[in-house]
Every structure is written in structure tokens, then in C-alpha cells.
Amino acid sequence: QVQLVESGGALVQAGDSLRLSCVLSGRILGNAAMGWFRQTPGKEREFVAGMRWVFGNSYYADSVKGRFTISRDSAKTTLYLQMNSLKPQDTAVYYCASALSPYGDPETPKSYDSWGQGTQVTVSE
């Protein structure tokens, strides 16, 4: 199983940038895809961005396209989410997730097998 630990969340102002990190440990060789999701109180977990190594592609929610970038380091042990031009509506707890299969829908939480504990991002006006 893969263990995930997010960091980088903070209180920032609208228009600022922030980079979230997610460190992987454990059985990372079987990791086929990863994603970032976010959640606010009373709402379902929402897809933000995802990557599938086998297909070499990335996916983004329409709400963050052009502002957020998902990437990982060359050692494949850290996943990043670069967030630019932040808006108050980006305020949420952000989670990274890992999947053993690259064939699940990258935008669906059920496609992922392991989750981090989350990191809070708050964007003020």
C-alpha cells in the first residue's frame, strides 16, 4: 500500500500562488496514477487534477484549467500541484490520491486506492 502525506497549504490572498506537495512512501512501484481532489464542508470531494503515467497525460477540472499544474519529481516520490491566480472559491482541504490501476476514471474518487490526510488552503479576498 502507498502512504501519502500532503503539505504546503496556507492562508493566502486572491491572486497569489501556492504549491502543494504530496510525498509518497511504501509500495510506490505499483502506483499507476495520481490525482488531487479538494473538499469543502458539506460538499462531496471534487476532482482538481490527475496524471496517469501509462498514458503520459494529465487532466484538469474546468475550474482550474490554465491556473493549476500537476507534476511529479523525477524520482517519482513527490507529486505537486502548482496553483496560480488563486481565487476565494479555491478555498478547501486538498487531498492527494494514488491509484494502482490507470484505467479508472481519473475524476472519480472511487478510482483511487490511497489517500493523504489533506492540507488546508484558504484564499481571502
C-alpha atoms as a PDB file:
ATOM      1  CA  GLN A   1       0.000   0.000   0.000  1.00  0.00           C
ATOM      2  CA  VAL A   2       1.073   3.579  -0.652  1.00  0.00           C
ATOM      3  CA  GLN A   3       1.219   6.202   2.092  1.00  0.00           C
ATOM      4  CA  LEU A   4       0.656   9.815   1.126  1.00  0.00           C
ATOM      5  CA  VAL A   5       1.439  12.981   3.080  1.00  0.00           C
ATOM      6  CA  GLU A   6       0.389  16.388   1.779  1.00  0.00           C
ATOM      7  CA  SER A   7       1.902  19.723   2.734  1.00  0.00           C
ATOM      8  CA  GLY A   8       2.028  23.306   1.544  1.00  0.00           C
ATOM      9  CA  GLY A   9      -1.431  24.505   2.449  1.00  0.00           C
ATOM     10  CA  ALA A  10      -1.672  28.060   3.749  1.00  0.00           C
ATOM     11  CA  LEU A  11      -3.743  31.218   4.063  1.00  0.00           C
ATOM     12  CA  VAL A  12      -3.118  33.419   1.019  1.00  0.00           C
ATOM     13  CA  GLN A  13      -4.741  36.328  -0.754  1.00  0.00           C
ATOM     14  CA  ALA A  14      -6.647  36.219  -4.029  1.00  0.00           C
ATOM     15  CA  GLY A  15      -4.220  36.294  -6.947  1.00  0.00           C
ATOM     16  CA  ASP A  16      -1.405  34.633  -5.003  1.00  0.00           C
ATOM     17  CA  SER A  17       0.310  31.362  -5.895  1.00  0.00           C
ATOM     18  CA  LEU A  18       0.855  28.259  -3.803  1.00  0.00           C
ATOM     19  CA  ARG A  19       2.477  24.886  -4.382  1.00  0.00           C
ATOM     20  CA  LEU A  20       1.192  21.772  -2.672  1.00  0.00           C
ATOM     21  CA  SER A  21       3.361  18.691  -2.254  1.00  0.00           C
ATOM     22  CA  CYS A  22       2.434  15.072  -1.693  1.00  0.00           C
ATOM     23  CA  VAL A  23       5.184  12.690  -0.602  1.00  0.00           C
ATOM     24  CA  LEU A  24       4.748   9.013  -1.434  1.00  0.00           C
ATOM     25  CA  SER A  25       6.136   6.109   0.567  1.00  0.00           C
ATOM     26  CA  GLY A  26       5.539   2.379   0.770  1.00  0.00           C
ATOM     27  CA  ARG A  27       4.807   0.288  -2.326  1.00  0.00           C
ATOM     28  CA  ILE A  28       5.126   3.098  -4.832  1.00  0.00           C
ATOM     29  CA  LEU A  29       6.248   0.866  -7.721  1.00  0.00           C
ATOM     30  CA  GLY A  30       2.665  -0.244  -8.252  1.00  0.00           C
ATOM     31  CA  ASN A  31       1.411   3.323  -8.414  1.00  0.00           C
ATOM     32  CA  ALA A  32      -0.159   3.912 -11.866  1.00  0.00           C
ATOM     33  CA  ALA A  33      -1.982   7.187 -11.465  1.00  0.00           C
ATOM     34  CA  MET A  34      -2.376  10.035  -9.032  1.00  0.00           C
ATOM     35  CA  GLY A  35      -4.720  12.908  -8.503  1.00  0.00           C
ATOM     36  CA  TRP A  36      -5.553  15.965  -6.462  1.00  0.00           C
ATOM     37  CA  PHE A  37      -9.019  16.483  -5.053  1.00  0.00           C
ATOM     38  CA  ARG A  38     -10.498  19.135  -2.791  1.00  0.00           C
ATOM     39  CA  GLN A  39     -13.388  19.283  -0.395  1.00  0.00           C
ATOM     40  CA  THR A  40     -15.322  21.953   1.489  1.00  0.00           C
ATOM     41  CA  PRO A  41     -17.677  21.336   4.412  1.00  0.00           C
ATOM     42  CA  GLY A  42     -20.965  19.785   3.370  1.00  0.00           C
ATOM     43  CA  LYS A  43     -19.842  19.071  -0.172  1.00  0.00           C
ATOM     44  CA  GLU A  44     -18.547  15.999  -1.949  1.00  0.00           C
ATOM     45  CA  ARG A  45     -14.886  15.599  -2.753  1.00  0.00           C
ATOM     46  CA  GLU A  46     -14.182  17.376  -6.044  1.00  0.00           C
ATOM     47  CA  PHE A  47     -11.637  16.423  -8.697  1.00  0.00           C
ATOM     48  CA  VAL A  48      -8.943  19.027  -9.330  1.00  0.00           C
ATOM     49  CA  ALA A  49      -6.165  17.422 -11.406  1.00  0.00           C
ATOM     50  CA  GLY A  50      -4.786  13.983 -12.251  1.00  0.00           C
ATOM     51  CA  MET A  51      -1.975  12.165 -14.013  1.00  0.00           C
ATOM     52  CA  ARG A  52      -1.740   8.656 -15.471  1.00  0.00           C
ATOM     53  CA  TRP A  53       1.816   7.533 -16.123  1.00  0.00           C
ATOM     54  CA  VAL A  54       0.964   4.783 -18.632  1.00  0.00           C
ATOM     55  CA  PHE A  55      -0.768   7.200 -20.952  1.00  0.00           C
ATOM     56  CA  GLY A  56       1.521  10.133 -20.211  1.00  0.00           C
ATOM     57  CA  ASN A  57      -1.318  12.583 -19.837  1.00  0.00           C
ATOM     58  CA  SER A  58      -2.758  14.999 -17.318  1.00  0.00           C
ATOM     59  CA  TYR A  59      -6.308  16.065 -16.595  1.00  0.00           C
ATOM     60  CA  TYR A  60      -7.785  19.195 -15.035  1.00  0.00           C
ATOM     61  CA  ALA A  61     -11.140  20.339 -13.799  1.00  0.00           C
ATOM     62  CA  ASP A  62     -12.517  23.182 -15.899  1.00  0.00           C
ATOM     63  CA  SER A  63     -12.494  25.434 -12.847  1.00  0.00           C
ATOM     64  CA  VAL A  64      -8.699  25.230 -12.514  1.00  0.00           C
ATOM     65  CA  LYS A  65      -7.580  24.734 -16.117  1.00  0.00           C
ATOM     66  CA  GLY A  66      -4.925  27.266 -17.053  1.00  0.00           C
ATOM     67  CA  ARG A  67      -4.242  28.155 -13.402  1.00  0.00           C
ATOM     68  CA  PHE A  68      -3.171  24.859 -11.796  1.00  0.00           C
ATOM     69  CA  THR A  69      -0.455  22.447 -12.918  1.00  0.00           C
ATOM     70  CA  ILE A  70       0.079  18.893 -11.696  1.00  0.00           C
ATOM     71  CA  SER A  71       3.557  17.390 -11.861  1.00  0.00           C
ATOM     72  CA  ARG A  72       5.865  14.951 -10.114  1.00  0.00           C
ATOM     73  CA  ASP A  73       9.588  14.806  -9.456  1.00  0.00           C
ATOM     74  CA  SER A  74      11.998  12.613 -11.415  1.00  0.00           C
ATOM     75  CA  ALA A  75      12.300  10.170  -8.523  1.00  0.00           C
ATOM     76  CA  LYS A  76       8.503   9.688  -8.677  1.00  0.00           C
ATOM     77  CA  THR A  77       8.225  10.115  -4.928  1.00  0.00           C
ATOM     78  CA  THR A  78       6.613  13.541  -4.782  1.00  0.00           C
ATOM     79  CA  LEU A  79       3.518  14.868  -6.515  1.00  0.00           C
ATOM     80  CA  TYR A  80       2.997  18.604  -6.836  1.00  0.00           C
ATOM     81  CA  LEU A  81       0.108  20.931  -7.503  1.00  0.00           C
ATOM     82  CA  GLN A  82       1.183  24.412  -8.570  1.00  0.00           C
ATOM     83  CA  MET A  83      -1.707  26.791  -8.033  1.00  0.00           C
ATOM     84  CA  ASN A  84      -1.589  30.252  -9.588  1.00  0.00           C
ATOM     85  CA  SER A  85      -4.087  33.124  -9.651  1.00  0.00           C
ATOM     86  CA  LEU A  86      -5.876  31.690  -6.634  1.00  0.00           C
ATOM     87  CA  LYS A  87      -9.487  32.644  -6.034  1.00  0.00           C
ATOM     88  CA  PRO A  88     -11.586  32.555  -2.852  1.00  0.00           C
ATOM     89  CA  GLN A  89     -13.589  29.703  -4.389  1.00  0.00           C
ATOM     90  CA  ASP A  90     -10.397  27.612  -4.369  1.00  0.00           C
ATOM     91  CA  THR A  91     -10.615  27.503  -0.572  1.00  0.00           C
ATOM     92  CA  ALA A  92     -10.814  23.856   0.515  1.00  0.00           C
ATOM     93  CA  VAL A  93      -8.954  20.961   2.040  1.00  0.00           C
ATOM     94  CA  TYR A  94      -6.796  19.482  -0.704  1.00  0.00           C
ATOM     95  CA  TYR A  95      -6.106  15.749  -0.860  1.00  0.00           C
ATOM     96  CA  CYS A  96      -3.744  13.727  -2.999  1.00  0.00           C
ATOM     97  CA  ALA A  97      -4.661  10.199  -4.022  1.00  0.00           C
ATOM     98  CA  SER A  98      -2.965   7.216  -5.602  1.00  0.00           C
ATOM     99  CA  ALA A  99      -4.348   4.503  -7.872  1.00  0.00           C
ATOM    100  CA  LEU A 100      -2.980   1.047  -8.692  1.00  0.00           C
ATOM    101  CA  SER A 101      -4.883   0.930 -11.977  1.00  0.00           C
ATOM    102  CA  PRO A 102      -4.568   3.538 -14.754  1.00  0.00           C
ATOM    103  CA  TYR A 103      -7.916   2.537 -16.253  1.00  0.00           C
ATOM    104  CA  GLY A 104     -10.310   4.051 -13.752  1.00  0.00           C
ATOM    105  CA  ASP A 105     -11.972   7.393 -14.356  1.00  0.00           C
ATOM    106  CA  PRO A 106      -9.341   9.871 -13.086  1.00  0.00           C
ATOM    107  CA  GLU A 107     -12.074  12.288 -11.986  1.00  0.00           C
ATOM    108  CA  THR A 108     -13.833   9.798  -9.724  1.00  0.00           C
ATOM    109  CA  PRO A 109     -12.646   9.344  -6.123  1.00  0.00           C
ATOM    110  CA  LYS A 110     -13.545   5.643  -6.223  1.00  0.00           C
ATOM    111  CA  SER A 111     -10.818   5.103  -8.833  1.00  0.00           C
ATOM    112  CA  TYR A 112      -8.150   5.751  -6.177  1.00  0.00           C
ATOM    113  CA  ASP A 113      -6.864   3.326  -3.563  1.00  0.00           C
ATOM    114  CA  SER A 114      -4.905   5.501  -1.131  1.00  0.00           C
ATOM    115  CA  TRP A 115      -5.436   8.993   0.211  1.00  0.00           C
ATOM    116  CA  GLY A 116      -3.480  11.525   2.196  1.00  0.00           C
ATOM    117  CA  GLN A 117      -4.786  13.329   5.245  1.00  0.00           C
ATOM    118  CA  GLY A 118      -5.326  16.640   3.445  1.00  0.00           C
ATOM    119  CA  THR A 119      -3.908  20.142   3.657  1.00  0.00           C
ATOM    120  CA  GLN A 120      -5.966  23.321   4.116  1.00  0.00           C
ATOM    121  CA  VAL A 121      -5.847  26.066   1.506  1.00  0.00           C
ATOM    122  CA  THR A 122      -7.633  29.296   2.357  1.00  0.00           C
ATOM    123  CA  VAL A 123      -7.827  32.160  -0.125  1.00  0.00           C
ATOM    124  CA  SER A 124      -9.017  35.515   1.194  1.00  0.00           C
ATOM    125  CA  GLU A 125     -10.480  38.368  -0.855  1.00  0.00           C
END
